[in-house]
Amino acid sequence: MTLNIGDKAPNFEGKNQDGKVITLTDYKGKKLVMFFYPKDNTPGCTEEACNLRDNIGALHKAGFEILGISSDDEKSHTKFIKKHTLPFDLIADTHKIIHEAYGVWGEKLMFGRKYMGTLRTTFLIDEKGKISDIIKKVNTKDHTSQIIS
């Protein structure tokens, strides 16, 4: 599925690091940064998450809530959050249902080898549940400036 700016964001249901069910409707009336990332505790994903953590005040001031999603399980998310003191929820999408709904599970290429994986993508969702921006070329070291610009 290909989503575009202006589309209604697909609703989802997933468990966070504590096993609590989170849905898109939980964020109704709020702006949401929903970032899909490949793997907990890998260099690029850690840079991205820590950049959002370090700029959480500016993101909140701009009215955004933050939600990360990867195919890692709840236990992995708990370790990632504790190790890097992340102040936002991470959804465990182990069956890639949310990934598929947002079109971010796809073919990747590394060292000449093709494989399926998470396409690092951030969706900005407005208060009415519409996609206001899609960031496909994520700058992991300075992601906040891509969001707030």
C-alpha atoms as a PDB file:
ATOM      1  CA  MET A   1       0.000   0.000   0.000  1.00  0.00           C
ATOM      2  CA  THR A   2       1.227   3.463  -0.834  1.00  0.00           C
ATOM      3  CA  LEU A   3       0.168   6.302   1.429  1.00  0.00           C
ATOM      4  CA  ASN A   4       0.330   9.960   0.475  1.00  0.00           C
ATOM      5  CA  ILE A   5       0.210  13.295   2.259  1.00  0.00           C
ATOM      6  CA  GLY A   6      -3.436  14.125   2.929  1.00  0.00           C
ATOM      7  CA  ASP A   7      -4.517  10.483   3.270  1.00  0.00           C
ATOM      8  CA  LYS A   8      -6.250   9.312   6.410  1.00  0.00           C
ATOM      9  CA  ALA A   9      -3.657   7.434   8.469  1.00  0.00           C
ATOM     10  CA  PRO A  10      -4.583   3.748   8.813  1.00  0.00           C
ATOM     11  CA  ASN A  11      -5.729   2.873  12.296  1.00  0.00           C
ATOM     12  CA  PHE A  12      -3.655   0.267  14.063  1.00  0.00           C
ATOM     13  CA  GLU A  13      -3.452  -1.711  17.251  1.00  0.00           C
ATOM     14  CA  GLY A  14      -0.190  -2.857  18.740  1.00  0.00           C
ATOM     15  CA  LYS A  15       1.431  -3.556  22.081  1.00  0.00           C
ATOM     16  CA  ASN A  16       4.044  -1.246  23.532  1.00  0.00           C
ATOM     17  CA  GLN A  17       7.087  -2.263  25.554  1.00  0.00           C
ATOM     18  CA  ASP A  18       4.895  -2.868  28.620  1.00  0.00           C
ATOM     19  CA  GLY A  19       2.310  -4.988  26.807  1.00  0.00           C
ATOM     20  CA  LYS A  20      -0.226  -2.132  26.794  1.00  0.00           C
ATOM     21  CA  VAL A  21      -2.375  -1.950  23.651  1.00  0.00           C
ATOM     22  CA  ILE A  22      -1.846   1.315  21.757  1.00  0.00           C
ATOM     23  CA  THR A  23      -4.012   2.485  18.849  1.00  0.00           C
ATOM     24  CA  LEU A  24      -3.891   5.473  16.526  1.00  0.00           C
ATOM     25  CA  THR A  25      -7.159   6.689  18.048  1.00  0.00           C
ATOM     26  CA  ASP A  26      -5.289   7.115  21.362  1.00  0.00           C
ATOM     27  CA  TYR A  27      -3.663  10.138  19.678  1.00  0.00           C
ATOM     28  CA  LYS A  28      -6.859  11.718  18.341  1.00  0.00           C
ATOM     29  CA  GLY A  29      -6.680  15.492  18.753  1.00  0.00           C
ATOM     30  CA  LYS A  30      -2.868  15.392  18.951  1.00  0.00           C
ATOM     31  CA  LYS A  31      -0.097  15.656  16.388  1.00  0.00           C
ATOM     32  CA  LEU A  32       1.933  12.473  16.138  1.00  0.00           C
ATOM     33  CA  VAL A  33       5.437  11.624  14.952  1.00  0.00           C
ATOM     34  CA  MET A  34       5.251   7.938  14.058  1.00  0.00           C
ATOM     35  CA  PHE A  35       8.676   6.632  13.127  1.00  0.00           C
ATOM     36  CA  PHE A  36       9.329   3.181  11.705  1.00  0.00           C
ATOM     37  CA  TYR A  37      12.858   1.939  12.258  1.00  0.00           C
ATOM     38  CA  PRO A  38      14.608  -1.365  11.466  1.00  0.00           C
ATOM     39  CA  LYS A  39      16.097  -2.658  14.741  1.00  0.00           C
ATOM     40  CA  ASP A  40      16.594  -1.772  18.396  1.00  0.00           C
ATOM     41  CA  ASN A  41      20.141  -0.957  19.524  1.00  0.00           C
ATOM     42  CA  THR A  42      21.662  -0.693  16.051  1.00  0.00           C
ATOM     43  CA  PRO A  43      23.750   2.400  15.236  1.00  0.00           C
ATOM     44  CA  GLY A  44      21.339   4.281  12.941  1.00  0.00           C
ATOM     45  CA  CYS A  45      18.246   3.404  14.931  1.00  0.00           C
ATOM     46  CA  THR A  46      19.917   4.429  18.180  1.00  0.00           C
ATOM     47  CA  GLU A  47      21.003   7.758  16.619  1.00  0.00           C
ATOM     48  CA  GLU A  48      17.463   8.415  15.430  1.00  0.00           C
ATOM     49  CA  ALA A  49      15.769   7.518  18.725  1.00  0.00           C
ATOM     50  CA  CYS A  50      18.316   9.469  20.781  1.00  0.00           C
ATOM     51  CA  ASN A  51      17.949  12.530  18.534  1.00  0.00           C
ATOM     52  CA  LEU A  52      14.202  12.478  19.184  1.00  0.00           C
ATOM     53  CA  ARG A  53      14.844  11.925  22.909  1.00  0.00           C
ATOM     54  CA  ASP A  54      17.315  14.810  23.109  1.00  0.00           C
ATOM     55  CA  ASN A  55      14.841  17.137  21.402  1.00  0.00           C
ATOM     56  CA  ILE A  56      11.654  15.950  23.087  1.00  0.00           C
ATOM     57  CA  GLY A  57      11.075  19.417  24.577  1.00  0.00           C
ATOM     58  CA  ALA A  58      11.126  21.100  21.162  1.00  0.00           C
ATOM     59  CA  LEU A  59       8.911  18.360  19.704  1.00  0.00           C
ATOM     60  CA  HIS A  60       6.378  18.742  22.529  1.00  0.00           C
ATOM     61  CA  LYS A  61       6.515  22.523  22.170  1.00  0.00           C
ATOM     62  CA  ALA A  62       5.623  22.033  18.482  1.00  0.00           C
ATOM     63  CA  GLY A  63       2.687  19.921  19.692  1.00  0.00           C
ATOM     64  CA  PHE A  64       3.981  16.455  18.769  1.00  0.00           C
ATOM     65  CA  GLU A  65       3.705  13.143  20.579  1.00  0.00           C
ATOM     66  CA  ILE A  66       6.296  10.500  19.570  1.00  0.00           C
ATOM     67  CA  LEU A  67       5.740   6.812  18.787  1.00  0.00           C
ATOM     68  CA  GLY A  68       8.326   4.372  17.456  1.00  0.00           C
ATOM     69  CA  ILE A  69       7.510   1.131  15.646  1.00  0.00           C
ATOM     70  CA  SER A  70       9.746  -1.776  14.710  1.00  0.00           C
ATOM     71  CA  SER A  71       9.354  -5.519  14.280  1.00  0.00           C
ATOM     72  CA  ASP A  72      11.319  -6.165  17.488  1.00  0.00           C
ATOM     73  CA  ASP A  73       9.439  -7.708  20.423  1.00  0.00           C
ATOM     74  CA  GLU A  74       8.387  -6.067  23.684  1.00  0.00           C
ATOM     75  CA  LYS A  75      11.406  -7.389  25.601  1.00  0.00           C
ATOM     76  CA  SER A  76      13.813  -5.873  23.057  1.00  0.00           C
ATOM     77  CA  HIS A  77      11.957  -2.547  23.225  1.00  0.00           C
ATOM     78  CA  THR A  78      12.151  -2.539  27.027  1.00  0.00           C
ATOM     79  CA  LYS A  79      15.939  -2.987  26.908  1.00  0.00           C
ATOM     80  CA  PHE A  80      16.296  -0.284  24.211  1.00  0.00           C
ATOM     81  CA  ILE A  81      14.216   2.188  26.216  1.00  0.00           C
ATOM     82  CA  LYS A  82      16.100   1.511  29.460  1.00  0.00           C
ATOM     83  CA  LYS A  83      19.559   1.611  27.867  1.00  0.00           C
ATOM     84  CA  HIS A  84      18.931   4.970  26.166  1.00  0.00           C
ATOM     85  CA  THR A  85      16.325   6.500  28.539  1.00  0.00           C
ATOM     86  CA  LEU A  86      13.767   6.916  25.761  1.00  0.00           C
ATOM     87  CA  PRO A  87      10.729   8.947  26.894  1.00  0.00           C
ATOM     88  CA  PHE A  88       8.226   7.551  24.375  1.00  0.00           C
ATOM     89  CA  ASP A  89       6.472   4.296  23.597  1.00  0.00           C
ATOM     90  CA  LEU A  90       7.750   1.733  21.117  1.00  0.00           C
ATOM     91  CA  ILE A  91       5.301  -0.628  19.422  1.00  0.00           C
ATOM     92  CA  ALA A  92       6.276  -4.277  18.893  1.00  0.00           C
ATOM     93  CA  ASP A  93       4.970  -5.070  15.398  1.00  0.00           C
ATOM     94  CA  THR A  94       6.415  -8.588  15.241  1.00  0.00           C
ATOM     95  CA  HIS A  95       3.890  -9.755  12.632  1.00  0.00           C
ATOM     96  CA  LYS A  96       4.483  -6.595  10.520  1.00  0.00           C
ATOM     97  CA  ILE A  97       0.763  -5.790  10.322  1.00  0.00           C
ATOM     98  CA  ILE A  98       1.299  -2.057  10.970  1.00  0.00           C
ATOM     99  CA  HIS A  99       4.353  -2.078   8.671  1.00  0.00           C
ATOM    100  CA  GLU A 100       2.208  -3.492   5.851  1.00  0.00           C
ATOM    101  CA  ALA A 101      -0.633  -1.007   6.491  1.00  0.00           C
ATOM    102  CA  TYR A 102       1.820   1.882   6.172  1.00  0.00           C
ATOM    103  CA  GLY A 103       3.761   0.388   3.257  1.00  0.00           C
ATOM    104  CA  VAL A 104       7.100   0.291   5.071  1.00  0.00           C
ATOM    105  CA  TRP A 105       7.871  -3.432   4.830  1.00  0.00           C
ATOM    106  CA  GLY A 106       9.772  -3.922   1.620  1.00  0.00           C
ATOM    107  CA  GLU A 107      12.796  -5.077  -0.281  1.00  0.00           C
ATOM    108  CA  LYS A 108      16.151  -3.709   0.833  1.00  0.00           C
ATOM    109  CA  LEU A 109      19.666  -4.125  -0.495  1.00  0.00           C
ATOM    110  CA  MET A 110      22.820  -4.473   1.615  1.00  0.00           C
ATOM    111  CA  PHE A 111      26.218  -5.563   0.330  1.00  0.00           C
ATOM    112  CA  GLY A 112      24.603  -6.730  -2.910  1.00  0.00           C
ATOM    113  CA  ARG A 113      22.122  -8.947  -1.076  1.00  0.00           C
ATOM    114  CA  LYS A 114      18.367  -8.377  -1.342  1.00  0.00           C
ATOM    115  CA  TYR A 115      16.179  -9.037   1.678  1.00  0.00           C
ATOM    116  CA  MET A 116      12.881  -7.903   3.213  1.00  0.00           C
ATOM    117  CA  GLY A 117      12.990  -5.372   6.017  1.00  0.00           C
ATOM    118  CA  THR A 118      11.689  -2.147   7.510  1.00  0.00           C
ATOM    119  CA  LEU A 119      12.024   0.877   5.235  1.00  0.00           C
ATOM    120  CA  ARG A 120      13.003   3.653   7.663  1.00  0.00           C
ATOM    121  CA  THR A 121      10.134   6.123   7.335  1.00  0.00           C
ATOM    122  CA  THR A 122       8.489   8.757   9.526  1.00  0.00           C
ATOM    123  CA  PHE A 123       4.854   9.781   9.230  1.00  0.00           C
ATOM    124  CA  LEU A 124       3.604  13.046  10.695  1.00  0.00           C
ATOM    125  CA  ILE A 125      -0.081  12.718  11.514  1.00  0.00           C
ATOM    126  CA  ASP A 126      -2.245  15.727  12.327  1.00  0.00           C
ATOM    127  CA  GLU A 127      -4.902  16.131  15.007  1.00  0.00           C
ATOM    128  CA  LYS A 128      -7.604  14.796  12.668  1.00  0.00           C
ATOM    129  CA  GLY A 129      -5.711  11.627  11.811  1.00  0.00           C
ATOM    130  CA  LYS A 130      -4.504  12.743   8.384  1.00  0.00           C
ATOM    131  CA  ILE A 131      -0.948  12.326   7.158  1.00  0.00           C
ATOM    132  CA  SER A 132       0.628  15.799   7.026  1.00  0.00           C
ATOM    133  CA  ASP A 133       4.113  14.665   5.940  1.00  0.00           C
ATOM    134  CA  ILE A 134       6.079  11.539   5.066  1.00  0.00           C
ATOM    135  CA  ILE A 135       9.848  11.535   5.591  1.00  0.00           C
ATOM    136  CA  LYS A 136      11.503   8.728   3.625  1.00  0.00           C
ATOM    137  CA  LYS A 137      15.094   9.988   3.628  1.00  0.00           C
ATOM    138  CA  VAL A 138      15.579  10.134   7.383  1.00  0.00           C
ATOM    139  CA  ASN A 139      18.651  11.925   8.716  1.00  0.00           C
ATOM    140  CA  THR A 140      19.172   9.798  11.830  1.00  0.00           C
ATOM    141  CA  LYS A 141      21.578  12.302  13.419  1.00  0.00           C
ATOM    142  CA  ASP A 142      19.242  15.302  13.013  1.00  0.00           C
ATOM    143  CA  HIS A 143      15.768  13.872  12.521  1.00  0.00           C
ATOM    144  CA  THR A 144      14.091  16.475  14.736  1.00  0.00           C
ATOM    145  CA  SER A 145      14.985  19.297  12.329  1.00  0.00           C
ATOM    146  CA  GLN A 146      13.337  17.339   9.489  1.00  0.00           C
ATOM    147  CA  ILE A 147      10.152  17.105  11.583  1.00  0.00           C
ATOM    148  CA  ILE A 148      10.002  20.663  12.903  1.00  0.00           C
ATOM    149  CA  SER A 149      11.154  22.410   9.699  1.00  0.00           C
END
